[in-house]
Protein backbone atom coordinates (compact mmCIF):
# COMPACT_ATOMS: atom_id res chain seq x y z
CA MET A 1 76.44 13.68 174.34
CA THR A 2 72.80 15.28 174.03
CA GLY A 3 72.18 19.02 173.78
CA LEU A 4 71.03 19.17 177.17
CA ALA A 5 74.51 18.17 178.50
CA THR A 6 76.31 20.94 176.38
CA LYS A 7 74.45 23.57 178.25
CA ARG A 8 75.27 25.54 181.57
CA CYS A 9 73.11 25.66 184.46
CA ARG A 10 71.98 29.54 185.36
CA PRO A 11 70.78 30.86 188.75
CA HIS A 12 67.11 30.65 189.69
CA GLY A 13 65.60 33.42 192.24
CA PRO A 14 62.47 33.31 194.38
CA GLY A 15 59.51 34.47 192.16
CA GLU A 16 60.47 32.34 189.05
CA ALA A 17 57.89 29.61 188.48
CA PRO A 18 59.04 25.96 188.38
CA TYR A 19 58.02 24.05 185.06
CA ALA A 20 54.50 22.95 184.52
CA ASP A 21 54.13 18.95 184.37
CA ALA A 22 53.76 19.42 180.36
CA GLN A 23 57.31 21.45 180.39
CA ALA A 24 59.05 18.80 182.41
CA ARG A 25 57.59 15.82 180.60
CA ALA A 26 58.57 17.08 177.21
CA LEU A 27 62.40 17.46 178.49
CA LEU A 28 62.12 13.97 180.00
CA THR A 29 61.83 12.63 176.45
CA GLN A 30 65.63 13.85 176.11
CA LEU A 31 66.85 11.64 178.90
CA GLU A 32 66.86 7.75 179.01
CA GLY A 33 65.68 6.18 182.23
CA TRP A 34 64.92 8.97 184.25
CA THR A 35 61.38 9.40 185.65
CA LEU A 36 59.55 11.92 187.46
CA GLU A 37 58.72 11.58 190.89
CA ASP A 38 57.18 13.73 193.79
CA GLY A 39 58.14 16.67 191.52
CA ARG A 40 61.73 15.52 191.50
CA LEU A 41 63.83 14.05 188.23
CA VAL A 42 65.02 10.64 189.72
CA LYS A 43 67.29 8.12 188.07
CA THR A 44 69.28 5.12 189.89
CA TYR A 45 72.55 4.13 188.62
CA ARG A 46 73.71 0.71 188.86
CA PHE A 47 77.77 -0.49 189.47
CA ARG A 48 79.75 -3.53 189.70
CA ASN A 49 81.32 -2.71 192.86
CA PHE A 50 81.82 0.05 195.74
CA HIS A 51 84.96 1.43 194.04
CA GLU A 52 83.06 2.30 190.95
CA THR A 53 80.11 3.87 192.87
CA MET A 54 82.22 5.95 194.72
CA ALA A 55 84.00 6.92 191.54
CA PHE A 56 80.91 8.20 189.87
CA LEU A 57 79.89 9.72 193.25
CA ASN A 58 82.53 11.91 193.11
CA ALA A 59 83.18 12.81 189.67
CA HIS A 60 79.39 13.95 190.05
CA ALA A 61 80.16 15.76 192.81
CA TRP A 62 82.70 18.08 190.68
CA ILE A 63 80.06 18.49 188.13
CA SER A 64 77.57 19.84 190.63
CA HIS A 65 80.26 21.94 192.12
CA ARG A 66 81.01 23.30 188.55
CA GLU A 67 77.36 23.90 187.52
CA ASP A 68 76.27 25.12 190.96
CA HIS A 69 73.31 22.93 191.00
CA HIS A 70 73.19 20.01 193.45
CA ALA A 71 71.29 16.66 193.55
CA ASP A 72 70.22 14.62 196.52
CA LEU A 73 72.05 11.43 196.61
CA GLU A 74 71.51 8.12 198.08
CA VAL A 75 74.53 5.75 197.89
CA GLY A 76 74.72 1.92 198.37
CA TYR A 77 77.45 -0.61 197.28
CA ASP A 78 76.56 -0.78 193.87
CA ARG A 79 74.32 1.96 193.40
CA CYS A 80 73.58 5.70 193.25
CA ARG A 81 70.08 7.21 193.34
CA VAL A 82 70.09 10.71 192.03
CA ALA A 83 67.25 13.21 192.74
CA TYR A 84 67.15 16.68 191.08
CA ALA A 85 64.62 19.70 191.93
CA THR A 86 65.57 23.45 191.96
CA HIS A 87 65.04 24.11 195.77
CA SER A 88 65.09 27.94 194.89
CA ILE A 89 61.93 27.59 192.79
CA GLY A 90 60.09 24.88 194.77
CA GLY A 91 60.27 22.36 191.41
CA LEU A 92 61.90 21.66 188.42
CA SER A 93 63.69 23.84 186.18
CA GLU A 94 66.08 23.66 182.82
CA ASN A 95 69.18 23.22 185.38
CA ASP A 96 67.72 19.78 186.57
CA PHE A 97 67.50 18.41 183.04
CA ILE A 98 70.96 19.70 182.13
CA CYS A 99 72.57 18.04 185.23
CA ALA A 100 70.58 14.64 184.56
CA ALA A 101 72.26 14.76 181.14
CA LYS A 102 75.45 15.44 182.45
CA SER A 103 75.06 12.75 184.90
CA ASP A 104 74.22 10.10 181.71
CA ALA A 105 77.35 11.34 180.12
CA LEU A 106 79.41 10.72 182.88
CA PHE A 107 78.10 7.20 183.61
CA ARG A 108 78.77 6.23 179.89
CA LEU A 109 82.44 7.15 180.43
């Protein structure tokens, strides 16, 4: 588990600045397979079947609830696309990278 996956998300309020591109790219190096797309942190996970996809989705929802930080999710039979951004600040924050690392840890289970 990466250092990011052991951290907890914190609330961000209006007026807080989102990460600059250089800050986001520096944290991106701590994650595998994630990309920056249109100001969001994005990854598609692949599964063998619908059951595995739904198991991941449900466990992912529990992590999101626990961290109070929620991704945009697109689900298909054998895949789940996860996209993070911190809506309250209009861009990326450390919370997005923390939850991305937790998503990767979940996927490896």
